[in-house]
Amino acid sequence: MRKTKSKPLVFDTVRCMVCGHETAVYLQVIKSENLRLNACVCESCAGLSADIIIKEILQPKQKEV
C-alpha cells in the first residue's frame, strides 16, 4: 500500500487509541515538542489538542476495579 500525504488513511475496524471506539479512524501524524506520532484516532478525538492525544496514548491506561 502506498502512503500519500494528501489525505489520511482510512481504516474500517481499528480502535481509537484515545477513547477506544471501534469507529472508522485515520492515521494522523502529530508534531508537538519535536515528537512525531502516528496515531489512530476517531473523528471526535481528532479535535483534541495534540498534547492531550499524545498524553493519552503514551501513558498506560489504568483500569478501574
N, C-alpha and C. Protein backbone atom coordinates (compact mmCIF):
# COMPACT_ATOMS: atom_id res chain seq x y z
N MET A 1 0.84 -1.18 0.00
CA MET A 1 0.00 0.00 0.00
C MET A 1 0.88 1.24 0.00
N ARG A 2 0.56 2.17 -0.81
CA ARG A 2 1.36 3.37 -0.92
C ARG A 2 0.74 4.49 -0.09
N LYS A 3 1.54 5.14 0.72
CA LYS A 3 1.03 6.21 1.57
C LYS A 3 1.16 7.55 0.85
N THR A 4 0.12 8.34 0.94
CA THR A 4 0.16 9.68 0.37
C THR A 4 -0.05 10.70 1.47
N LYS A 5 0.50 11.87 1.30
CA LYS A 5 0.37 12.90 2.31
C LYS A 5 -0.86 13.78 2.09
N SER A 6 -1.53 13.59 0.97
CA SER A 6 -2.65 14.46 0.65
C SER A 6 -3.88 14.18 1.51
N LYS A 7 -4.13 12.93 1.84
CA LYS A 7 -5.29 12.61 2.68
C LYS A 7 -4.93 11.49 3.64
N PRO A 8 -5.61 11.45 4.80
CA PRO A 8 -5.30 10.42 5.79
C PRO A 8 -5.75 9.05 5.34
N LEU A 9 -5.11 8.03 5.88
CA LEU A 9 -5.50 6.66 5.57
C LEU A 9 -6.74 6.31 6.39
N VAL A 10 -7.72 5.73 5.75
CA VAL A 10 -8.96 5.39 6.44
C VAL A 10 -9.04 3.87 6.60
N PHE A 11 -9.31 3.43 7.81
CA PHE A 11 -9.44 2.01 8.10
C PHE A 11 -10.88 1.73 8.52
N ASP A 12 -11.30 0.50 8.43
CA ASP A 12 -12.68 0.15 8.78
C ASP A 12 -12.84 -0.27 10.24
N THR A 13 -12.03 -1.19 10.69
CA THR A 13 -12.20 -1.71 12.05
C THR A 13 -10.91 -1.58 12.83
N VAL A 14 -10.59 -0.37 13.20
CA VAL A 14 -9.42 -0.11 14.02
C VAL A 14 -9.91 0.69 15.22
N ARG A 15 -9.40 0.35 16.39
CA ARG A 15 -9.82 1.07 17.59
C ARG A 15 -9.09 2.40 17.71
N CYS A 16 -9.81 3.38 18.24
CA CYS A 16 -9.21 4.68 18.52
C CYS A 16 -8.23 4.51 19.68
N MET A 17 -7.03 5.08 19.55
CA MET A 17 -6.02 4.93 20.59
C MET A 17 -6.31 5.80 21.81
N VAL A 18 -7.24 6.73 21.68
CA VAL A 18 -7.56 7.62 22.80
C VAL A 18 -8.78 7.13 23.56
N CYS A 19 -9.90 6.94 22.86
CA CYS A 19 -11.13 6.58 23.55
C CYS A 19 -11.51 5.11 23.38
N GLY A 20 -10.95 4.42 22.39
CA GLY A 20 -11.21 3.00 22.22
C GLY A 20 -12.43 2.66 21.38
N HIS A 21 -13.05 3.65 20.76
CA HIS A 21 -14.22 3.36 19.93
C HIS A 21 -13.82 2.57 18.69
N GLU A 22 -14.70 1.68 18.26
CA GLU A 22 -14.43 0.88 17.07
C GLU A 22 -15.01 1.53 15.83
N THR A 23 -14.81 2.82 15.70
CA THR A 23 -15.33 3.54 14.55
C THR A 23 -14.25 3.67 13.50
N ALA A 24 -14.62 4.18 12.33
CA ALA A 24 -13.62 4.41 11.29
C ALA A 24 -12.68 5.50 11.77
N VAL A 25 -11.40 5.17 11.82
CA VAL A 25 -10.41 6.12 12.33
C VAL A 25 -9.33 6.31 11.27
N TYR A 26 -8.52 7.32 11.43
CA TYR A 26 -7.49 7.56 10.44
C TYR A 26 -6.13 7.78 11.09
N LEU A 27 -5.12 7.63 10.30
CA LEU A 27 -3.75 7.77 10.75
C LEU A 27 -3.38 9.24 10.74
N GLN A 28 -2.91 9.74 11.86
CA GLN A 28 -2.61 11.15 11.98
C GLN A 28 -1.20 11.33 12.51
N VAL A 29 -0.43 12.19 11.87
CA VAL A 29 0.91 12.48 12.35
C VAL A 29 0.84 13.75 13.19
N ILE A 30 1.26 13.65 14.44
CA ILE A 30 1.16 14.76 15.36
C ILE A 30 2.57 15.28 15.65
N LYS A 31 2.77 16.57 15.54
CA LYS A 31 4.06 17.16 15.88
C LYS A 31 3.87 18.05 17.10
N SER A 32 4.55 17.72 18.16
CA SER A 32 4.48 18.53 19.37
C SER A 32 5.78 18.36 20.13
N GLU A 33 6.47 19.44 20.35
CA GLU A 33 7.76 19.40 21.04
C GLU A 33 8.70 18.39 20.40
N ASN A 34 8.86 18.47 19.09
CA ASN A 34 9.73 17.59 18.31
C ASN A 34 9.33 16.13 18.39
N LEU A 35 8.07 15.86 18.65
CA LEU A 35 7.58 14.49 18.73
C LEU A 35 6.64 14.22 17.57
N ARG A 36 6.94 13.18 16.81
CA ARG A 36 6.06 12.77 15.71
C ARG A 36 5.47 11.43 16.10
N LEU A 37 4.17 11.32 15.96
CA LEU A 37 3.49 10.12 16.41
C LEU A 37 2.41 9.74 15.41
N ASN A 38 2.43 8.49 15.00
CA ASN A 38 1.35 8.00 14.14
C ASN A 38 0.27 7.45 15.06
N ALA A 39 -0.91 8.05 14.98
CA ALA A 39 -1.98 7.66 15.89
C ALA A 39 -3.25 7.36 15.14
N CYS A 40 -3.92 6.30 15.55
CA CYS A 40 -5.25 6.00 15.01
C CYS A 40 -6.26 6.62 15.95
N VAL A 41 -6.93 7.66 15.49
CA VAL A 41 -7.92 8.34 16.33
C VAL A 41 -9.22 8.51 15.56
N CYS A 42 -10.33 8.53 16.29
CA CYS A 42 -11.62 8.74 15.64
C CYS A 42 -11.81 10.23 15.39
N GLU A 43 -12.86 10.58 14.66
CA GLU A 43 -13.07 11.97 14.28
C GLU A 43 -13.31 12.86 15.49
N SER A 44 -13.98 12.34 16.51
CA SER A 44 -14.25 13.17 17.69
C SER A 44 -12.97 13.44 18.49
N CYS A 45 -12.08 12.45 18.57
CA CYS A 45 -10.82 12.63 19.31
C CYS A 45 -9.80 13.42 18.50
N ALA A 46 -9.96 13.47 17.19
CA ALA A 46 -9.02 14.21 16.36
C ALA A 46 -9.13 15.71 16.62
N GLY A 47 -10.25 16.15 17.19
CA GLY A 47 -10.43 17.56 17.51
C GLY A 47 -9.70 17.97 18.77
N LEU A 48 -9.21 17.01 19.55
CA LEU A 48 -8.47 17.33 20.77
C LEU A 48 -7.11 17.91 20.41
N SER A 49 -6.49 18.58 21.37
CA SER A 49 -5.16 19.13 21.11
C SER A 49 -4.14 17.99 21.03
N ALA A 50 -3.05 18.24 20.34
CA ALA A 50 -2.03 17.22 20.14
C ALA A 50 -1.44 16.75 21.47
N ASP A 51 -1.28 17.67 22.43
CA ASP A 51 -0.71 17.31 23.72
C ASP A 51 -1.59 16.32 24.47
N ILE A 52 -2.91 16.51 24.39
CA ILE A 52 -3.83 15.60 25.08
C ILE A 52 -3.79 14.22 24.43
N ILE A 53 -3.77 14.18 23.10
CA ILE A 53 -3.74 12.90 22.40
C ILE A 53 -2.46 12.14 22.72
N ILE A 54 -1.33 12.83 22.69
CA ILE A 54 -0.04 12.18 22.98
C ILE A 54 -0.02 11.67 24.42
N LYS A 55 -0.54 12.47 25.35
CA LYS A 55 -0.58 12.05 26.75
C LYS A 55 -1.43 10.80 26.93
N GLU A 56 -2.57 10.75 26.27
CA GLU A 56 -3.46 9.59 26.39
C GLU A 56 -2.83 8.33 25.79
N ILE A 57 -2.09 8.48 24.70
CA ILE A 57 -1.52 7.32 24.02
C ILE A 57 -0.27 6.80 24.75
N LEU A 58 0.60 7.71 25.19
CA LEU A 58 1.86 7.29 25.78
C LEU A 58 1.73 6.80 27.22
N GLN A 59 0.74 7.30 27.96
CA GLN A 59 0.56 6.83 29.33
C GLN A 59 -0.26 5.56 29.33
N PRO A 60 0.16 4.55 30.08
CA PRO A 60 -0.63 3.32 30.15
C PRO A 60 -1.97 3.58 30.82
N LYS A 61 -3.00 2.97 30.26
CA LYS A 61 -4.35 3.17 30.81
C LYS A 61 -4.50 2.36 32.09
N GLN A 62 -5.08 2.99 33.09
CA GLN A 62 -5.33 2.31 34.36
C GLN A 62 -6.80 1.93 34.40
N LYS A 63 -7.06 0.64 34.58
CA LYS A 63 -8.44 0.17 34.63
C LYS A 63 -8.97 0.28 36.05
N GLU A 64 -10.22 0.76 36.14
CA GLU A 64 -10.85 0.85 37.44
C GLU A 64 -11.45 -0.50 37.81
N VAL A 65 -11.32 -0.86 39.08
CA VAL A 65 -11.83 -2.16 39.53
C VAL A 65 -13.25 -2.01 40.03
